[in-house]
Amino acid sequence: MRSAERDPRVPGFRRGLLEYDEYSSACLIENVSAHGFLLECLDEFVVGQRLRLTSTFGPGEAIHCTVEVRHVEGSSVGAAIVEIDARSARLCGELIDEYYAVQMVRRAAQRHRGGSAA
């Protein structure tokens, strides 16, 4: 398995809902990878804590997964996916693939125009 630091990451800024114990809390998904998320959270969490994450990735396309907190820095939480259903995993994969396909097209267009790829 690859390290989370090496996974392609897609900036997201999607709203999410974290559920734990009998509580729920809103969060902002800052980026997505095949193995986890970077979340901006209102509540405080601790390394090792498991949370249920739900978010909408497209019209009628919700992801549902269980994540484990891997690191916390202020309100920023790095969370690894520990359980995810096949449909949600497919949605995450499609989001990542589409993002990088668009980036490749943009870079190719910039090279063709003589610009720099930023």
N, C-alpha and C. Protein backbone atom coordinates (compact mmCIF):
# COMPACT_ATOMS: atom_id res chain seq x y z
N MET A 1 0.85 -1.19 0.00
CA MET A 1 0.00 0.00 0.00
C MET A 1 0.88 1.24 0.00
N ARG A 2 0.49 2.23 -0.78
CA ARG A 2 1.27 3.45 -0.86
C ARG A 2 1.05 4.31 0.38
N SER A 3 2.02 5.14 0.66
CA SER A 3 1.93 6.09 1.75
C SER A 3 0.91 7.16 1.40
N ALA A 4 0.17 7.65 2.40
CA ALA A 4 -0.83 8.69 2.17
C ALA A 4 -0.17 9.95 1.62
N GLU A 5 1.09 10.21 1.98
CA GLU A 5 1.78 11.41 1.51
C GLU A 5 2.03 11.36 0.00
N ARG A 6 1.99 10.19 -0.60
CA ARG A 6 2.29 10.06 -2.03
C ARG A 6 1.03 9.94 -2.88
N ASP A 7 -0.10 9.81 -2.28
CA ASP A 7 -1.34 9.69 -3.05
C ASP A 7 -1.66 10.99 -3.76
N PRO A 8 -2.17 10.90 -4.99
CA PRO A 8 -2.65 12.11 -5.66
C PRO A 8 -3.78 12.73 -4.81
N ARG A 9 -3.74 14.02 -4.67
CA ARG A 9 -4.74 14.72 -3.86
C ARG A 9 -5.51 15.70 -4.73
N VAL A 10 -6.79 15.78 -4.47
CA VAL A 10 -7.66 16.67 -5.21
C VAL A 10 -8.21 17.70 -4.23
N PRO A 11 -7.95 18.99 -4.52
CA PRO A 11 -8.56 20.00 -3.66
C PRO A 11 -10.08 19.91 -3.79
N GLY A 12 -10.76 20.03 -2.68
CA GLY A 12 -12.18 19.77 -2.75
C GLY A 12 -13.08 20.89 -2.30
N PHE A 13 -12.97 21.27 -1.06
CA PHE A 13 -13.87 22.24 -0.45
C PHE A 13 -15.32 21.83 -0.62
N ARG A 14 -15.59 20.63 -0.11
CA ARG A 14 -16.95 20.11 -0.06
C ARG A 14 -17.38 20.03 1.40
N ARG A 15 -18.64 20.21 1.62
CA ARG A 15 -19.16 20.06 2.97
C ARG A 15 -19.31 18.59 3.31
N GLY A 16 -19.07 18.27 4.56
CA GLY A 16 -19.24 16.91 5.02
C GLY A 16 -19.89 16.90 6.40
N LEU A 17 -20.32 15.74 6.80
CA LEU A 17 -20.89 15.55 8.12
C LEU A 17 -20.14 14.41 8.79
N LEU A 18 -19.63 14.68 9.97
CA LEU A 18 -18.95 13.66 10.77
C LEU A 18 -19.88 13.21 11.87
N GLU A 19 -19.98 11.91 12.05
CA GLU A 19 -20.80 11.36 13.13
C GLU A 19 -19.92 10.49 14.01
N TYR A 20 -20.08 10.65 15.31
CA TYR A 20 -19.30 9.88 16.28
C TYR A 20 -20.09 9.83 17.57
N ASP A 21 -20.02 8.68 18.23
CA ASP A 21 -20.84 8.45 19.43
C ASP A 21 -22.27 8.86 19.10
N GLU A 22 -22.88 9.73 19.91
CA GLU A 22 -24.23 10.19 19.61
C GLU A 22 -24.22 11.61 19.04
N TYR A 23 -23.05 12.07 18.59
CA TYR A 23 -22.88 13.43 18.11
C TYR A 23 -22.69 13.47 16.60
N SER A 24 -22.91 14.67 16.06
CA SER A 24 -22.56 14.92 14.66
C SER A 24 -22.00 16.33 14.57
N SER A 25 -21.15 16.55 13.58
CA SER A 25 -20.49 17.84 13.42
C SER A 25 -20.23 18.09 11.95
N ALA A 26 -20.44 19.32 11.53
CA ALA A 26 -20.14 19.69 10.15
C ALA A 26 -18.63 19.82 9.97
N CYS A 27 -18.17 19.56 8.74
CA CYS A 27 -16.76 19.76 8.42
C CYS A 27 -16.66 20.22 6.97
N LEU A 28 -15.47 20.66 6.60
CA LEU A 28 -15.18 21.02 5.22
C LEU A 28 -14.08 20.08 4.74
N ILE A 29 -14.33 19.40 3.63
CA ILE A 29 -13.33 18.52 3.05
C ILE A 29 -12.42 19.39 2.20
N GLU A 30 -11.16 19.53 2.64
CA GLU A 30 -10.22 20.38 1.91
C GLU A 30 -9.56 19.65 0.75
N ASN A 31 -9.26 18.36 0.93
CA ASN A 31 -8.77 17.58 -0.19
C ASN A 31 -9.10 16.12 0.00
N VAL A 32 -9.02 15.40 -1.12
CA VAL A 32 -9.41 14.00 -1.18
C VAL A 32 -8.27 13.21 -1.83
N SER A 33 -7.98 12.04 -1.29
CA SER A 33 -7.08 11.11 -1.96
C SER A 33 -7.76 9.75 -1.95
N ALA A 34 -7.15 8.77 -2.57
CA ALA A 34 -7.74 7.44 -2.60
C ALA A 34 -7.76 6.80 -1.22
N HIS A 35 -6.96 7.32 -0.30
CA HIS A 35 -6.85 6.70 1.02
C HIS A 35 -7.30 7.59 2.17
N GLY A 36 -7.72 8.83 1.90
CA GLY A 36 -8.11 9.67 3.01
C GLY A 36 -8.52 11.07 2.61
N PHE A 37 -8.70 11.88 3.64
CA PHE A 37 -9.20 13.24 3.48
C PHE A 37 -8.44 14.18 4.41
N LEU A 38 -8.34 15.43 3.99
CA LEU A 38 -7.92 16.49 4.89
C LEU A 38 -9.18 17.28 5.19
N LEU A 39 -9.52 17.38 6.46
CA LEU A 39 -10.77 17.99 6.89
C LEU A 39 -10.50 19.23 7.74
N GLU A 40 -11.34 20.22 7.59
CA GLU A 40 -11.36 21.38 8.48
C GLU A 40 -12.58 21.18 9.36
N CYS A 41 -12.35 21.07 10.67
CA CYS A 41 -13.41 20.65 11.58
C CYS A 41 -13.76 21.72 12.61
N LEU A 42 -15.00 21.73 13.00
CA LEU A 42 -15.46 22.61 14.06
C LEU A 42 -15.17 22.03 15.44
N ASP A 43 -15.29 20.72 15.57
CA ASP A 43 -15.05 20.04 16.85
C ASP A 43 -13.60 19.58 16.93
N GLU A 44 -13.18 19.24 18.13
CA GLU A 44 -11.84 18.72 18.34
C GLU A 44 -11.86 17.19 18.33
N PHE A 45 -10.89 16.61 17.65
CA PHE A 45 -10.77 15.16 17.57
C PHE A 45 -9.37 14.75 17.98
N VAL A 46 -9.21 13.47 18.30
CA VAL A 46 -7.92 12.97 18.74
C VAL A 46 -7.45 11.86 17.80
N VAL A 47 -6.13 11.74 17.69
CA VAL A 47 -5.55 10.70 16.84
C VAL A 47 -6.07 9.34 17.29
N GLY A 48 -6.48 8.54 16.32
CA GLY A 48 -7.03 7.22 16.58
C GLY A 48 -8.54 7.17 16.65
N GLN A 49 -9.18 8.32 16.78
CA GLN A 49 -10.64 8.37 16.86
C GLN A 49 -11.24 7.99 15.51
N ARG A 50 -12.30 7.19 15.53
CA ARG A 50 -13.01 6.79 14.31
C ARG A 50 -14.29 7.60 14.18
N LEU A 51 -14.55 8.03 12.94
CA LEU A 51 -15.68 8.89 12.64
C LEU A 51 -16.36 8.38 11.38
N ARG A 52 -17.65 8.59 11.30
CA ARG A 52 -18.39 8.27 10.07
C ARG A 52 -18.51 9.56 9.28
N LEU A 53 -18.04 9.55 8.02
CA LEU A 53 -18.07 10.73 7.16
C LEU A 53 -19.07 10.52 6.04
N THR A 54 -19.91 11.53 5.82
CA THR A 54 -20.85 11.55 4.71
C THR A 54 -20.67 12.87 3.99
N SER A 55 -20.65 12.82 2.65
CA SER A 55 -20.54 14.04 1.86
C SER A 55 -21.14 13.79 0.49
N THR A 56 -21.60 14.85 -0.15
CA THR A 56 -22.14 14.76 -1.50
C THR A 56 -21.05 15.12 -2.49
N PHE A 57 -20.79 14.25 -3.44
CA PHE A 57 -19.74 14.47 -4.44
C PHE A 57 -20.30 14.80 -5.80
N GLY A 58 -21.59 14.81 -5.93
CA GLY A 58 -22.24 15.14 -7.20
C GLY A 58 -23.73 15.08 -6.99
N PRO A 59 -24.50 15.43 -8.00
CA PRO A 59 -25.96 15.38 -7.86
C PRO A 59 -26.42 13.97 -7.48
N GLY A 60 -26.95 13.83 -6.30
CA GLY A 60 -27.43 12.53 -5.83
C GLY A 60 -26.35 11.52 -5.56
N GLU A 61 -25.09 11.95 -5.51
CA GLU A 61 -23.96 11.05 -5.33
C GLU A 61 -23.30 11.29 -3.98
N ALA A 62 -23.70 10.58 -2.97
CA ALA A 62 -23.13 10.75 -1.63
C ALA A 62 -22.12 9.65 -1.34
N ILE A 63 -21.07 10.03 -0.65
CA ILE A 63 -20.11 9.03 -0.18
C ILE A 63 -20.37 8.81 1.30
N HIS A 64 -20.12 7.59 1.73
CA HIS A 64 -20.25 7.20 3.13
C HIS A 64 -19.03 6.35 3.45
N CYS A 65 -18.32 6.73 4.50
CA CYS A 65 -17.16 5.92 4.89
C CYS A 65 -16.84 6.14 6.35
N THR A 66 -16.03 5.26 6.89
CA THR A 66 -15.49 5.43 8.23
C THR A 66 -14.05 5.84 8.08
N VAL A 67 -13.66 6.88 8.80
CA VAL A 67 -12.28 7.36 8.76
C VAL A 67 -11.69 7.31 10.16
N GLU A 68 -10.36 7.23 10.18
CA GLU A 68 -9.64 7.27 11.45
C GLU A 68 -8.72 8.49 11.44
N VAL A 69 -8.79 9.26 12.51
CA VAL A 69 -7.96 10.46 12.63
C VAL A 69 -6.50 10.02 12.72
N ARG A 70 -5.67 10.56 11.80
CA ARG A 70 -4.24 10.22 11.78
C ARG A 70 -3.39 11.36 12.31
N HIS A 71 -3.81 12.60 12.07
CA HIS A 71 -3.08 13.74 12.63
C HIS A 71 -4.03 14.91 12.80
N VAL A 72 -3.69 15.77 13.76
CA VAL A 72 -4.50 16.95 14.06
C VAL A 72 -3.55 18.13 14.19
N GLU A 73 -3.88 19.22 13.51
CA GLU A 73 -3.12 20.46 13.64
C GLU A 73 -4.13 21.59 13.69
N GLY A 74 -4.41 22.06 14.90
CA GLY A 74 -5.46 23.06 15.07
C GLY A 74 -6.80 22.45 14.69
N SER A 75 -7.50 23.11 13.76
CA SER A 75 -8.80 22.59 13.32
C SER A 75 -8.68 21.70 12.09
N SER A 76 -7.45 21.48 11.63
CA SER A 76 -7.20 20.63 10.46
C SER A 76 -6.95 19.19 10.90
N VAL A 77 -7.68 18.27 10.29
CA VAL A 77 -7.62 16.86 10.66
C VAL A 77 -7.31 16.02 9.42
N GLY A 78 -6.26 15.22 9.50
CA GLY A 78 -5.97 14.24 8.47
C GLY A 78 -6.62 12.93 8.86
N ALA A 79 -7.43 12.38 7.97
CA ALA A 79 -8.20 11.18 8.29
C ALA A 79 -8.02 10.13 7.20
N ALA A 80 -7.66 8.93 7.61
CA ALA A 80 -7.49 7.81 6.67
C ALA A 80 -8.79 7.03 6.57
N ILE A 81 -9.12 6.59 5.38
CA ILE A 81 -10.30 5.76 5.17
C ILE A 81 -10.01 4.37 5.72
N VAL A 82 -10.87 3.89 6.61
CA VAL A 82 -10.70 2.53 7.14
C VAL A 82 -11.81 1.60 6.67
N GLU A 83 -12.97 2.16 6.30
CA GLU A 83 -14.06 1.37 5.72
C GLU A 83 -14.78 2.24 4.71
N ILE A 84 -15.04 1.66 3.53
CA ILE A 84 -15.77 2.40 2.50
C ILE A 84 -16.48 1.39 1.60
N ASP A 85 -17.71 1.70 1.22
CA ASP A 85 -18.43 0.79 0.33
C ASP A 85 -17.94 0.99 -1.10
N ALA A 86 -18.22 0.05 -1.96
CA ALA A 86 -17.72 0.06 -3.34
C ALA A 86 -18.18 1.30 -4.11
N ARG A 87 -19.42 1.70 -3.93
CA ARG A 87 -19.95 2.87 -4.65
C ARG A 87 -19.22 4.14 -4.24
N SER A 88 -19.01 4.31 -2.93
CA SER A 88 -18.30 5.50 -2.44
C SER A 88 -16.85 5.51 -2.90
N ALA A 89 -16.20 4.34 -2.90
CA ALA A 89 -14.82 4.25 -3.37
C ALA A 89 -14.75 4.61 -4.86
N ARG A 90 -15.74 4.16 -5.63
CA ARG A 90 -15.78 4.49 -7.05
C ARG A 90 -15.93 5.99 -7.25
N LEU A 91 -16.80 6.64 -6.47
CA LEU A 91 -16.99 8.09 -6.59
C LEU A 91 -15.70 8.84 -6.28
N CYS A 92 -15.00 8.44 -5.23
CA CYS A 92 -13.73 9.09 -4.89
C CYS A 92 -12.73 8.90 -6.02
N GLY A 93 -12.65 7.69 -6.54
CA GLY A 93 -11.72 7.41 -7.64
C GLY A 93 -12.05 8.22 -8.88
N GLU A 94 -13.32 8.34 -9.21
CA GLU A 94 -13.73 9.12 -10.37
C GLU A 94 -13.39 10.59 -10.20
N LEU A 95 -13.60 11.12 -9.00
CA LEU A 95 -13.29 12.51 -8.72
C LEU A 95 -11.80 12.77 -8.94
N ILE A 96 -10.96 11.89 -8.42
CA ILE A 96 -9.51 12.03 -8.57
C ILE A 96 -9.11 11.92 -10.04
N ASP A 97 -9.62 10.90 -10.73
CA ASP A 97 -9.29 10.70 -12.15
C ASP A 97 -9.71 11.90 -13.00
N GLU A 98 -10.90 12.42 -12.78
CA GLU A 98 -11.40 13.55 -13.55
C GLU A 98 -10.56 14.80 -13.31
N TYR A 99 -10.19 15.04 -12.06
CA TYR A 99 -9.39 16.21 -11.72
C TYR A 99 -8.05 16.16 -12.45
N TYR A 100 -7.36 15.03 -12.39
CA TYR A 100 -6.05 14.94 -13.01
C TYR A 100 -6.13 14.91 -14.53
N ALA A 101 -7.21 14.40 -15.10
CA ALA A 101 -7.41 14.45 -16.56
C ALA A 101 -7.55 15.91 -17.01
N VAL A 102 -8.30 16.70 -16.28
CA VAL A 102 -8.47 18.12 -16.61
C VAL A 102 -7.13 18.84 -16.48
N GLN A 103 -6.37 18.53 -15.42
CA GLN A 103 -5.06 19.16 -15.24
C GLN A 103 -4.12 18.85 -16.41
N MET A 104 -4.14 17.61 -16.89
CA MET A 104 -3.29 17.24 -18.02
C MET A 104 -3.68 18.01 -19.28
N VAL A 105 -4.97 18.16 -19.52
CA VAL A 105 -5.45 18.90 -20.69
C VAL A 105 -5.01 20.36 -20.58
N ARG A 106 -5.15 20.95 -19.40
CA ARG A 106 -4.74 22.35 -19.20
C ARG A 106 -3.25 22.54 -19.44
N ARG A 107 -2.44 21.62 -18.92
CA ARG A 107 -0.98 21.72 -19.11
C ARG A 107 -0.61 21.59 -20.57
N ALA A 108 -1.27 20.67 -21.26
CA ALA A 108 -0.98 20.47 -22.69
C ALA A 108 -1.37 21.74 -23.46
N ALA A 109 -2.48 22.34 -23.12
CA ALA A 109 -2.92 23.58 -23.80
C ALA A 109 -1.94 24.71 -23.52
N GLN A 110 -1.43 24.80 -22.31
CA GLN A 110 -0.47 25.84 -21.97
C GLN A 110 0.84 25.64 -22.75
N ARG A 111 1.29 24.39 -22.85
CA ARG A 111 2.52 24.11 -23.61
C ARG A 111 2.32 24.46 -25.08
N HIS A 112 1.14 24.13 -25.59
CA HIS A 112 0.84 24.41 -26.98
C HIS A 112 0.86 25.92 -27.25
N ARG A 113 0.40 26.72 -26.30
CA ARG A 113 0.38 28.18 -26.44
C ARG A 113 1.74 28.79 -26.07
N GLY A 114 2.65 27.96 -25.54
CA GLY A 114 3.96 28.48 -25.17
C GLY A 114 4.01 29.02 -23.75
N GLY A 115 2.96 28.78 -22.95
CA GLY A 115 2.95 29.25 -21.57
C GLY A 115 3.59 28.24 -20.67
N SER A 116 3.74 28.59 -19.43
CA SER A 116 4.29 27.65 -18.45
C SER A 116 3.16 26.88 -17.81
N ALA A 117 3.44 25.64 -17.42
CA ALA A 117 2.44 24.81 -16.73
C ALA A 117 2.50 25.13 -15.26
N ALA A 118 1.46 25.72 -14.75
CA ALA A 118 1.43 26.10 -13.33
C ALA A 118 0.49 25.24 -12.57
